[in-house]
PDB file of N, CA and C in Angstrom:
ATOM      1  N   MET A   1      20.678  -8.723 -57.427  1.00  0.00           N
ATOM      2  CA  MET A   1      20.186  -9.504 -56.372  1.00  0.00           C
ATOM      3  C   MET A   1      20.450  -8.780 -55.012  1.00  0.00           C
ATOM      4  N   ALA A   2      19.459  -8.705 -54.138  1.00  0.00           N
ATOM      5  CA  ALA A   2      19.584  -8.024 -52.860  1.00  0.00           C
ATOM      6  C   ALA A   2      20.341  -8.883 -51.841  1.00  0.00           C
ATOM      7  N   GLU A   3      21.195  -8.333 -50.994  1.00  0.00           N
ATOM      8  CA  GLU A   3      21.750  -9.110 -49.969  1.00  0.00           C
ATOM      9  C   GLU A   3      20.757  -9.607 -48.991  1.00  0.00           C
ATOM     10  N   PRO A   4      20.964 -10.731 -48.587  1.00  0.00           N
ATOM     11  CA  PRO A   4      20.001 -11.199 -47.477  1.00  0.00           C
ATOM     12  C   PRO A   4      20.422 -10.472 -46.110  1.00  0.00           C
ATOM     13  N   ILE A   5      19.347 -10.161 -45.343  1.00  0.00           N
ATOM     14  CA  ILE A   5      19.452  -9.565 -44.157  1.00  0.00           C
ATOM     15  C   ILE A   5      19.726 -10.549 -43.026  1.00  0.00           C
ATOM     16  N   ALA A   6      20.733 -10.498 -42.291  1.00  0.00           N
ATOM     17  CA  ALA A   6      21.064 -11.458 -41.258  1.00  0.00           C
ATOM     18  C   ALA A   6      20.064 -11.221 -40.135  1.00  0.00           C
ATOM     19  N   PRO A   7      19.531 -12.342 -39.548  1.00  0.00           N
ATOM     20  CA  PRO A   7      18.585 -12.288 -38.457  1.00  0.00           C
ATOM     21  C   PRO A   7      19.016 -11.583 -37.195  1.00  0.00           C
ATOM     22  N   PHE A   8      20.385 -11.550 -36.967  1.00  0.00           N
ATOM     23  CA  PHE A   8      20.906 -10.773 -35.720  1.00  0.00           C
ATOM     24  C   PHE A   8      20.880  -9.286 -35.898  1.00  0.00           C
ATOM     25  N   GLU A   9      20.755  -8.770 -37.061  1.00  0.00           N
ATOM     26  CA  GLU A   9      20.754  -7.308 -37.201  1.00  0.00           C
ATOM     27  C   GLU A   9      19.566  -6.731 -36.467  1.00  0.00           C
ATOM     28  N   CYS A  10      18.446  -7.271 -36.493  1.00  0.00           N
ATOM     29  CA  CYS A  10      17.344  -6.829 -35.647  1.00  0.00           C
ATOM     30  C   CYS A  10      17.213  -7.173 -34.251  1.00  0.00           C
ATOM     31  N   ALA A  11      18.105  -8.183 -33.805  1.00  0.00           N
ATOM     32  CA  ALA A  11      18.066  -8.545 -32.415  1.00  0.00           C
ATOM     33  C   ALA A  11      18.236  -7.505 -31.422  1.00  0.00           C
ATOM     34  N   PRO A  12      19.170  -6.560 -31.548  1.00  0.00           N
ATOM     35  CA  PRO A  12      19.340  -5.487 -30.444  1.00  0.00           C
ATOM     36  C   PRO A  12      17.915  -4.706 -30.288  1.00  0.00           C
ATOM     37  N   GLY A  13      17.360  -4.354 -31.315  1.00  0.00           N
ATOM     38  CA  GLY A  13      15.991  -3.635 -31.341  1.00  0.00           C
ATOM     39  C   GLY A  13      14.937  -4.480 -30.565  1.00  0.00           C
ATOM     40  N   LEU A  14      14.863  -5.782 -30.920  1.00  0.00           N
ATOM     41  CA  LEU A  14      13.977  -6.656 -30.310  1.00  0.00           C
ATOM     42  C   LEU A  14      14.223  -6.922 -29.004  1.00  0.00           C
ATOM     43  N   ARG A  15      15.428  -7.082 -28.528  1.00  0.00           N
ATOM     44  CA  ARG A  15      15.856  -7.187 -27.246  1.00  0.00           C
ATOM     45  C   ARG A  15      15.368  -5.915 -26.382  1.00  0.00           C
ATOM     46  N   LEU A  16      15.684  -4.894 -26.835  1.00  0.00           N
ATOM     47  CA  LEU A  16      15.247  -3.674 -26.259  1.00  0.00           C
ATOM     48  C   LEU A  16      13.759  -3.641 -26.030  1.00  0.00           C
ATOM     49  N   GLN A  17      12.996  -3.895 -27.119  1.00  0.00           N
ATOM     50  CA  GLN A  17      11.495  -3.895 -26.891  1.00  0.00           C
ATOM     51  C   GLN A  17      11.093  -4.933 -25.887  1.00  0.00           C
ATOM     52  N   ALA A  18      11.753  -6.149 -25.829  1.00  0.00           N
ATOM     53  CA  ALA A  18      11.331  -7.226 -24.949  1.00  0.00           C
ATOM     54  C   ALA A  18      11.653  -6.701 -23.466  1.00  0.00           C
ATOM     55  N   HIS A  19      12.758  -5.917 -23.351  1.00  0.00           N
ATOM     56  CA  HIS A  19      13.218  -5.668 -21.985  1.00  0.00           C
ATOM     57  C   HIS A  19      12.229  -4.348 -21.512  1.00  0.00           C
ATOM     58  N   GLU A  20      11.695  -3.510 -22.391  1.00  0.00           N
ATOM     59  CA  GLU A  20      10.791  -2.489 -22.048  1.00  0.00           C
ATOM     60  C   GLU A  20       9.403  -3.044 -21.680  1.00  0.00           C
ATOM     61  N   ARG A  21       9.031  -4.096 -22.358  1.00  0.00           N
ATOM     62  CA  ARG A  21       7.881  -4.731 -22.036  1.00  0.00           C
ATOM     63  C   ARG A  21       7.852  -5.462 -20.717  1.00  0.00           C
ATOM     64  N   LEU A  22       8.999  -6.128 -20.489  1.00  0.00           N
ATOM     65  CA  LEU A  22       9.102  -6.774 -19.279  1.00  0.00           C
ATOM     66  C   LEU A  22       9.248  -5.799 -17.992  1.00  0.00           C
ATOM     67  N   SER A  23       9.988  -4.658 -18.380  1.00  0.00           N
ATOM     68  CA  SER A  23      10.014  -3.616 -17.239  1.00  0.00           C
ATOM     69  C   SER A  23       8.602  -3.039 -17.026  1.00  0.00           C
ATOM     70  N   GLU A  24       7.898  -2.908 -17.972  1.00  0.00           N
ATOM     71  CA  GLU A  24       6.495  -2.344 -17.874  1.00  0.00           C
ATOM     72  C   GLU A  24       5.629  -3.296 -17.066  1.00  0.00           C
ATOM     73  N   VAL A  25       5.749  -4.492 -17.296  1.00  0.00           N
ATOM     74  CA  VAL A  25       4.967  -5.658 -16.579  1.00  0.00           C
ATOM     75  C   VAL A  25       5.356  -5.690 -15.059  1.00  0.00           C
ATOM     76  N   GLN A  26       6.698  -5.562 -14.862  1.00  0.00           N
ATOM     77  CA  GLN A  26       7.334  -5.577 -13.457  1.00  0.00           C
ATOM     78  C   GLN A  26       6.702  -4.330 -12.748  1.00  0.00           C
ATOM     79  N   PHE A  27       6.724  -3.052 -13.374  1.00  0.00           N
ATOM     80  CA  PHE A  27       6.378  -1.974 -12.772  1.00  0.00           C
ATOM     81  C   PHE A  27       4.906  -1.998 -12.372  1.00  0.00           C
ATOM     82  N   LYS A  28       4.185  -2.545 -13.362  1.00  0.00           N
ATOM     83  CA  LYS A  28       2.661  -2.653 -13.120  1.00  0.00           C
ATOM     84  C   LYS A  28       2.422  -3.551 -11.892  1.00  0.00           C
ATOM     85  N   GLY A  29       3.106  -4.695 -11.812  1.00  0.00           N
ATOM     86  CA  GLY A  29       3.107  -5.503 -10.523  1.00  0.00           C
ATOM     87  C   GLY A  29       3.446  -4.800  -9.373  1.00  0.00           C
ATOM     88  N   LEU A  30       4.540  -4.089  -9.430  1.00  0.00           N
ATOM     89  CA  LEU A  30       5.007  -3.404  -8.289  1.00  0.00           C
ATOM     90  C   LEU A  30       4.018  -2.314  -7.789  1.00  0.00           C
ATOM     91  N   HIS A  31       3.466  -1.665  -8.736  1.00  0.00           N
ATOM     92  CA  HIS A  31       2.369  -0.594  -8.351  1.00  0.00           C
ATOM     93  C   HIS A  31       1.122  -1.247  -7.706  1.00  0.00           C
ATOM     94  N   ARG A  32       0.729  -2.478  -8.287  1.00  0.00           N
ATOM     95  CA  ARG A  32      -0.366  -3.226  -7.734  1.00  0.00           C
ATOM     96  C   ARG A  32      -0.004  -3.662  -6.296  1.00  0.00           C
ATOM     97  N   ARG A  33       1.122  -4.126  -5.974  1.00  0.00           N
ATOM     98  CA  ARG A  33       1.552  -4.487  -4.713  1.00  0.00           C
ATOM     99  C   ARG A  33       1.568  -3.332  -3.704  1.00  0.00           C
ATOM    100  N   LEU A  34       2.142  -2.240  -4.222  1.00  0.00           N
ATOM    101  CA  LEU A  34       2.265  -1.010  -3.354  1.00  0.00           C
ATOM    102  C   LEU A  34       0.825  -0.529  -3.060  1.00  0.00           C
ATOM    103  N   ASP A  35      -0.079  -0.577  -4.042  1.00  0.00           N
ATOM    104  CA  ASP A  35      -1.451  -0.141  -3.789  1.00  0.00           C
ATOM    105  C   ASP A  35      -2.053  -1.040  -2.704  1.00  0.00           C
ATOM    106  N   ARG A  36      -1.854  -2.324  -2.768  1.00  0.00           N
ATOM    107  CA  ARG A  36      -2.466  -3.148  -1.665  1.00  0.00           C
ATOM    108  C   ARG A  36      -1.788  -2.932  -0.188  1.00  0.00           C
ATOM    109  N   ILE A  37      -0.438  -2.647  -0.293  1.00  0.00           N
ATOM    110  CA  ILE A  37       0.197  -2.239   1.000  1.00  0.00           C
ATOM    111  C   ILE A  37      -0.479  -0.957   1.591  1.00  0.00           C
ATOM    112  N   GLU A  38      -0.684   0.051   0.689  1.00  0.00           N
ATOM    113  CA  GLU A  38      -1.220   1.271   1.025  1.00  0.00           C
ATOM    114  C   GLU A  38      -2.759   1.012   1.693  1.00  0.00           C
ATOM    115  N   GLU A  39      -3.555   0.251   1.051  1.00  0.00           N
ATOM    116  CA  GLU A  39      -4.785  -0.095   1.442  1.00  0.00           C
ATOM    117  C   GLU A  39      -4.631  -0.808   2.883  1.00  0.00           C
ATOM    118  N   ALA A  40      -3.724  -1.680   3.051  1.00  0.00           N
ATOM    119  CA  ALA A  40      -3.634  -2.399   4.307  1.00  0.00           C
ATOM    120  C   ALA A  40      -3.183  -1.481   5.420  1.00  0.00           C
ATOM    121  N   MET A  41      -2.314  -0.507   5.054  1.00  0.00           N
ATOM    122  CA  MET A  41      -1.906   0.476   6.002  1.00  0.00           C
ATOM    123  C   MET A  41      -3.083   1.360   6.566  1.00  0.00           C
ATOM    124  N   GLU A  42      -3.859   1.752   5.380  1.00  0.00           N
ATOM    125  CA  GLU A  42      -5.074   2.584   5.822  1.00  0.00           C
ATOM    126  C   GLU A  42      -5.933   1.911   6.814  1.00  0.00           C
ATOM    127  N   ARG A  43      -6.207   0.628   6.439  1.00  0.00           N
ATOM    128  CA  ARG A  43      -7.142  -0.196   7.369  1.00  0.00           C
ATOM    129  C   ARG A  43      -6.447  -0.335   8.797  1.00  0.00           C
ATOM    130  N   LEU A  44      -5.258  -0.534   8.787  1.00  0.00           N
ATOM    131  CA  LEU A  44      -4.531  -0.691  10.146  1.00  0.00           C
ATOM    132  C   LEU A  44      -4.663   0.678  10.827  1.00  0.00           C
ATOM    133  N   GLU A  45      -4.498   1.810  10.079  1.00  0.00           N
ATOM    134  CA  GLU A  45      -4.510   3.187  10.750  1.00  0.00           C
ATOM    135  C   GLU A  45      -5.890   3.442  11.376  1.00  0.00           C
ATOM    136  N   LYS A  46      -6.951   2.912  10.585  1.00  0.00           N
ATOM    137  CA  LYS A  46      -8.315   3.111  11.070  1.00  0.00           C
ATOM    138  C   LYS A  46      -8.535   2.333  12.411  1.00  0.00           C
ATOM    139  N   ARG A  47      -7.974   1.003  12.422  1.00  0.00           N
ATOM    140  CA  ARG A  47      -8.223   0.218  13.551  1.00  0.00           C
ATOM    141  C   ARG A  47      -7.361   0.795  14.786  1.00  0.00           C
ATOM    142  N   LEU A  48      -6.208   1.384  14.406  1.00  0.00           N
ATOM    143  CA  LEU A  48      -5.428   1.971  15.454  1.00  0.00           C
ATOM    144  C   LEU A  48      -6.182   3.182  16.225  1.00  0.00           C
ATOM    145  N   TRP A  49      -6.811   4.018  15.298  1.00  0.00           N
ATOM    146  CA  TRP A  49      -7.502   5.166  15.836  1.00  0.00           C
ATOM    147  C   TRP A  49      -8.821   4.663  16.624  1.00  0.00           C
ATOM    148  N   LEU A  50      -9.446   3.560  16.160  1.00  0.00           N
ATOM    149  CA  LEU A  50     -10.633   3.066  16.958  1.00  0.00           C
ATOM    150  C   LEU A  50     -10.183   2.749  18.280  1.00  0.00           C
ATOM    151  N   THR A  51      -8.923   2.034  18.396  1.00  0.00           N
ATOM    152  CA  THR A  51      -8.433   1.449  19.712  1.00  0.00           C
ATOM    153  C   THR A  51      -8.023   2.685  20.527  1.00  0.00           C
ATOM    154  N   VAL A  52      -7.510   3.771  19.953  1.00  0.00           N
ATOM    155  CA  VAL A  52      -7.142   4.930  20.787  1.00  0.00           C
ATOM    156  C   VAL A  52      -8.438   5.546  21.283  1.00  0.00           C
ATOM    157  N   TYR A  53      -9.398   5.822  20.379  1.00  0.00           N
ATOM    158  CA  TYR A  53     -10.637   6.364  20.923  1.00  0.00           C
ATOM    159  C   TYR A  53     -11.316   5.596  21.929  1.00  0.00           C
ATOM    160  N   GLY A  54     -11.245   4.216  21.806  1.00  0.00           N
ATOM    161  CA  GLY A  54     -11.815   3.337  22.727  1.00  0.00           C
ATOM    162  C   GLY A  54     -11.196   3.502  24.172  1.00  0.00           C
ATOM    163  N   VAL A  55      -9.792   3.434  24.146  1.00  0.00           N
ATOM    164  CA  VAL A  55      -9.062   3.617  25.434  1.00  0.00           C
ATOM    165  C   VAL A  55      -9.426   5.017  26.027  1.00  0.00           C
ATOM    166  N   VAL A  56      -9.526   6.052  25.186  1.00  0.00           N
ATOM    167  CA  VAL A  56      -9.763   7.440  25.740  1.00  0.00           C
ATOM    168  C   VAL A  56     -11.226   7.375  26.449  1.00  0.00           C
ATOM    169  N   ALA A  57     -12.131   6.764  25.649  1.00  0.00           N
ATOM    170  CA  ALA A  57     -13.549   6.683  26.220  1.00  0.00           C
ATOM    171  C   ALA A  57     -13.496   5.938  27.498  1.00  0.00           C
ATOM    172  N   VAL A  58     -12.706   4.922  27.667  1.00  0.00           N
ATOM    173  CA  VAL A  58     -12.704   4.064  28.881  1.00  0.00           C
ATOM    174  C   VAL A  58     -12.121   4.922  30.039  1.00  0.00           C
ATOM    175  N   VAL A  59     -10.973   5.618  29.727  1.00  0.00           N
ATOM    176  CA  VAL A  59     -10.429   6.409  30.699  1.00  0.00           C
ATOM    177  C   VAL A  59     -11.430   7.520  31.202  1.00  0.00           C
ATOM    178  N   LEU A  60     -12.027   8.179  30.275  1.00  0.00           N
ATOM    179  CA  LEU A  60     -12.932   9.391  30.493  1.00  0.00           C
ATOM    180  C   LEU A  60     -14.121   8.777  31.264  1.00  0.00           C
ATOM    181  N   ALA A  61     -14.569   7.709  31.057  1.00  0.00           N
ATOM    182  CA  ALA A  61     -15.664   6.974  31.844  1.00  0.00           C
ATOM    183  C   ALA A  61     -15.402   6.686  33.224  1.00  0.00           C
ATOM    184  N   GLN A  62     -14.220   6.220  33.416  1.00  0.00           N
ATOM    185  CA  GLN A  62     -13.641   5.819  34.786  1.00  0.00           C
ATOM    186  C   GLN A  62     -13.526   7.270  35.551  1.00  0.00           C
ATOM    187  N   ALA A  63     -12.964   8.230  34.828  1.00  0.00           N
ATOM    188  CA  ALA A  63     -12.857   9.461  35.574  1.00  0.00           C
ATOM    189  C   ALA A  63     -14.234  10.065  35.904  1.00  0.00           C
ATOM    190  N   PHE A  64     -15.052   9.975  35.092  1.00  0.00           N
ATOM    191  CA  PHE A  64     -16.520  10.543  35.273  1.00  0.00           C
ATOM    192  C   PHE A  64     -17.049   9.767  36.595  1.00  0.00           C
ATOM    193  N   GLN A  65     -16.991   8.511  36.467  1.00  0.00           N
ATOM    194  CA  GLN A  65     -17.514   7.667  37.671  1.00  0.00           C
ATOM    195  C   GLN A  65     -16.805   8.042  38.904  1.00  0.00           C
ATOM    196  N   SER A  66     -15.590   8.214  38.943  1.00  0.00           N
ATOM    197  CA  SER A  66     -14.816   8.580  40.311  1.00  0.00           C
ATOM    198  C   SER A  66     -15.313   9.958  40.645  1.00  0.00           C
ATOM    199  N   VAL A  67     -15.430  10.775  39.685  1.00  0.00           N
ATOM    200  CA  VAL A  67     -15.893  12.240  40.044  1.00  0.00           C
ATOM    201  C   VAL A  67     -17.446  12.091  40.547  1.00  0.00           C
ATOM    202  N   ALA A  68     -18.175  11.378  39.938  1.00  0.00           N
ATOM    203  CA  ALA A  68     -19.633  11.241  40.324  1.00  0.00           C
ATOM    204  C   ALA A  68     -19.761  10.645  41.654  1.00  0.00           C
ATOM    205  N   GLY A  69     -18.851   9.713  42.038  1.00  0.00           N
ATOM    206  CA  GLY A  69     -18.878   9.056  43.359  1.00  0.00           C
ATOM    207  C   GLY A  69     -18.463  10.034  44.457  1.00  0.00           C
ATOM    208  N   VAL A  70     -17.648  11.006  44.150  1.00  0.00           N
ATOM    209  CA  VAL A  70     -17.153  11.858  45.134  1.00  0.00           C
ATOM    210  C   VAL A  70     -18.199  13.058  45.367  1.00  0.00           C
ATOM    211  N   VAL A  71     -18.855  13.514  44.432  1.00  0.00           N
ATOM    212  CA  VAL A  71     -19.789  14.635  44.511  1.00  0.00           C
ATOM    213  C   VAL A  71     -21.008  14.194  45.208  1.00  0.00           C
ATOM    214  N   PRO A  72     -21.422  14.896  46.426  1.00  0.00           N
ATOM    215  CA  PRO A  72     -22.473  14.448  47.089  1.00  0.00           C
ATOM    216  C   PRO A  72     -23.869  14.708  46.380  1.00  0.00           C
ATOM    217  N   GLY A  73     -24.779  13.688  46.430  1.00  0.00           N
ATOM    218  CA  GLY A  73     -25.785  13.719  45.518  1.00  0.00           C
ATOM    219  C   GLY A  73     -27.058  13.836  46.321  1.00  0.00           C
TER     220      GLY A  73
END
């Protein structure tokens, strides 16, 4: 007659598999959040550059107006 296998003999392997699955799920969630943060940063960067270009355009327009007002026409 074969000896019965105690249920706890498999437990360390099962705990390791469960931990690996949990780690995988956590890393997937972390990567998703990082992707969303990167997308938000890209949108923010685009808005920042639009603001910079807008300010430069206003400054150049004012400079052009002041120069056009000085030049005799």
